[in-house]
Each structure stands twice: as C-alpha cells, then as structure tokens.
Amino acid sequence: MKKTILMTCGILCATLGGALTADAATGIVNLNKVLANDPAFTQASKAFNNEVVKLQADYDKKSKNMNTAQKQELMKSYQAQLDKKNAELVQPIQKKVDDAVAKIAKEKNLDTIVIPGGYVYGHIDVDITEDVQKAIR
C-alpha cells in the first residue's frame, strides 16, 4: 500500500512539475563563439598577452640574483598587476555581453540562459549565440 501511494505521489509530482514549467523557455549561448568573433575581445586578448610578455621579460631580468622568497614576492606583484589588467580589459566586454544576453532573453521570452561548460539536463528551446554576436557589434 505504501509503495502504491509513494509511486502515485511521484507520478503526480513529475506530472505537475512538468505542467508548472511548461511555459518556461530555455536558451543557450556559446560564449566561446561570441568572444572568438568579437574584435574588442580579440584586441583585449592581445593587450593582455603583451602585458604578460612584458612582465615575464621584466621578471626574468630582475629575478636573476633573487632568492626564492624574493622571487615569490615579485611573482605575486606581477600576478596582481595581471589580475588588475585583466579586470580592466575584460569587465567592459563582459558587461556588453551580459547586457546583450539579458536583452535578447527578454525579447525571446526566455526564462533561463545556459552557457555550455556545465552539465545541462532538459530541453534547450533557443540558441541565441548569433543574436548575441550581432548585439555586441
């Protein structure tokens, strides 16, 4: 008897859950594709890589006569500089992409946007990658 009641409750919950989320729409955006085709991101990547090369050369020059602790301190300093540079370069691009995703999700009446890279269970209704690419240009 308990098994029958539990099974009935399980079926009822699954049915109601599906009915309650039937109007929810899920979209997907491939951020790797969006960023790979964005001139601003390409330019920011080049600027960041140039900064890495510059700091690496500076580290190689300065660290020759340093002990391990001094090298670690210098490396921490450079890492902080790189983190600051990355934030400076990426935050405006991230905001532009976030705004575009939010706008398109609203236009297409999407409740959820999935970014590949994690496990997704369920049905994706709309791929908005192309729309985001157009919106950030």
Protein backbone atom coordinates (compact mmCIF):
# COMPACT_ATOMS: atom_id res chain seq x y z
CA MET A 1 0.00 0.00 0.00
CA LYS A 2 2.81 2.43 0.92
CA LYS A 3 4.58 1.66 -2.36
CA THR A 4 1.43 2.45 -4.33
CA ILE A 5 0.93 5.76 -2.52
CA LEU A 6 4.59 6.74 -2.97
CA MET A 7 4.52 5.79 -6.64
CA THR A 8 1.31 7.77 -7.18
CA CYS A 9 2.82 10.80 -5.41
CA GLY A 10 5.96 10.51 -7.53
CA ILE A 11 3.99 10.37 -10.77
CA LEU A 12 1.77 13.26 -9.64
CA CYS A 13 4.80 15.41 -8.71
CA ALA A 14 6.51 14.65 -12.02
CA THR A 15 3.34 15.49 -13.94
CA LEU A 16 2.66 18.70 -12.03
CA GLY A 17 6.32 19.70 -12.21
CA GLY A 18 6.24 19.36 -15.98
CA ALA A 19 3.00 21.29 -16.18
CA LEU A 20 4.29 24.08 -13.97
CA THR A 21 7.42 24.54 -16.07
CA ALA A 22 5.79 24.01 -19.46
CA ASP A 23 5.83 27.76 -20.17
CA ALA A 24 9.44 28.17 -19.12
CA ALA A 25 11.76 28.54 -22.08
CA THR A 26 15.49 27.89 -22.02
CA GLY A 27 18.03 29.37 -24.39
CA ILE A 28 21.68 28.67 -24.92
CA VAL A 29 24.57 30.95 -25.83
CA ASN A 30 28.03 29.77 -26.83
CA LEU A 31 30.21 32.44 -25.25
CA ASN A 32 33.38 30.97 -26.74
CA LYS A 33 31.97 31.54 -30.21
CA VAL A 34 30.71 35.01 -29.32
CA LEU A 35 34.06 36.10 -27.89
CA ALA A 36 36.13 34.47 -30.63
CA ASN A 37 34.35 36.64 -33.19
CA ASP A 38 34.35 39.86 -31.16
CA PRO A 39 37.01 42.40 -32.25
CA ALA A 40 37.02 44.04 -28.80
CA PHE A 41 37.79 40.71 -27.12
CA THR A 42 40.50 39.93 -29.69
CA GLN A 43 42.08 43.32 -29.03
CA ALA A 44 41.82 42.85 -25.25
CA SER A 45 43.42 39.40 -25.52
CA LYS A 46 46.33 40.82 -27.50
CA ALA A 47 46.81 43.63 -24.99
CA PHE A 48 46.75 41.16 -22.10
CA ASN A 49 49.22 38.84 -23.82
CA ASN A 50 51.53 41.80 -24.49
CA GLU A 51 51.41 42.65 -20.79
CA VAL A 52 52.26 39.03 -19.90
CA VAL A 53 55.27 39.08 -22.24
CA LYS A 54 56.44 42.42 -20.84
CA LEU A 55 56.15 41.27 -17.23
CA GLN A 56 57.81 37.93 -18.00
CA ALA A 57 60.81 39.71 -19.52
CA ASP A 58 60.96 42.06 -16.55
CA TYR A 59 60.72 39.12 -14.12
CA ASP A 60 63.49 37.25 -15.92
CA LYS A 61 65.72 40.32 -15.72
CA LYS A 62 65.01 41.25 -12.09
CA SER A 63 64.90 37.77 -10.57
CA LYS A 64 68.36 36.60 -11.65
CA ASN A 65 70.02 37.42 -8.33
CA MET A 66 67.00 36.92 -6.06
CA ASN A 67 66.40 34.15 -3.56
CA THR A 68 63.24 32.04 -3.68
CA ALA A 69 61.26 34.22 -1.28
CA GLN A 70 62.09 37.38 -3.21
CA LYS A 71 61.12 35.71 -6.48
CA GLN A 72 57.80 34.66 -4.98
CA GLU A 73 57.11 38.23 -3.81
CA LEU A 74 57.96 39.60 -7.24
CA MET A 75 55.72 36.99 -8.86
CA LYS A 76 52.84 37.94 -6.52
CA SER A 77 53.30 41.57 -7.51
CA TYR A 78 53.19 40.72 -11.19
CA GLN A 79 50.19 38.46 -10.71
CA ALA A 80 48.34 41.33 -9.03
CA GLN A 81 49.21 43.58 -11.97
CA LEU A 82 47.93 40.95 -14.41
CA ASP A 83 44.72 40.48 -12.44
CA LYS A 84 44.13 44.25 -12.48
CA LYS A 85 44.87 44.46 -16.22
CA ASN A 86 42.57 41.52 -16.95
CA ALA A 87 39.72 43.12 -15.00
CA GLU A 88 40.33 46.44 -16.76
CA LEU A 89 40.23 44.82 -20.20
CA VAL A 90 37.50 42.22 -19.66
CA GLN A 91 34.90 43.97 -17.50
CA PRO A 92 33.61 46.30 -20.25
CA ILE A 93 33.33 43.35 -22.65
CA GLN A 94 31.63 41.20 -20.03
CA LYS A 95 29.10 43.95 -19.31
CA LYS A 96 28.37 44.37 -23.02
CA VAL A 97 27.81 40.62 -23.43
CA ASP A 98 25.73 40.36 -20.24
CA ASP A 99 23.54 43.25 -21.38
CA ALA A 100 23.09 41.69 -24.83
CA VAL A 101 22.18 38.29 -23.33
CA ALA A 102 19.65 39.89 -20.96
CA LYS A 103 18.09 41.96 -23.76
CA ILE A 104 17.77 39.01 -26.14
CA ALA A 105 16.44 36.72 -23.39
CA LYS A 106 13.74 39.29 -22.67
CA GLU A 107 12.93 39.75 -26.38
CA LYS A 108 12.62 36.00 -26.89
CA ASN A 109 10.78 35.48 -23.59
CA LEU A 110 13.43 33.09 -22.25
CA ASP A 111 13.45 32.33 -18.53
CA THR A 112 16.86 30.64 -18.44
CA ILE A 113 20.03 31.00 -20.46
CA VAL A 114 22.54 28.15 -20.40
CA ILE A 115 26.23 28.62 -21.09
CA PRO A 116 27.91 25.38 -22.20
CA GLY A 117 30.60 24.02 -19.98
CA GLY A 118 28.45 22.52 -17.29
CA TYR A 119 26.01 19.65 -17.26
CA VAL A 120 22.59 20.58 -18.58
CA TYR A 121 19.55 18.39 -18.17
CA GLY A 122 16.47 19.21 -20.09
CA HIS A 123 15.45 20.81 -23.34
CA ILE A 124 17.06 23.89 -24.86
CA ASP A 125 14.48 25.86 -26.80
CA VAL A 126 16.57 28.57 -28.45
CA ASP A 127 20.22 29.15 -29.34
CA ILE A 128 20.84 32.90 -29.03
CA THR A 129 24.56 32.82 -29.88
CA GLU A 130 24.12 34.52 -33.26
CA ASP A 131 21.83 37.17 -31.76
CA VAL A 132 24.37 37.99 -29.03
CA GLN A 133 27.15 38.24 -31.63
CA LYS A 134 25.08 40.75 -33.61
CA ALA A 135 24.07 42.69 -30.49
CA ILE A 136 27.62 43.32 -29.27
CA ARG A 137 28.95 44.55 -32.62
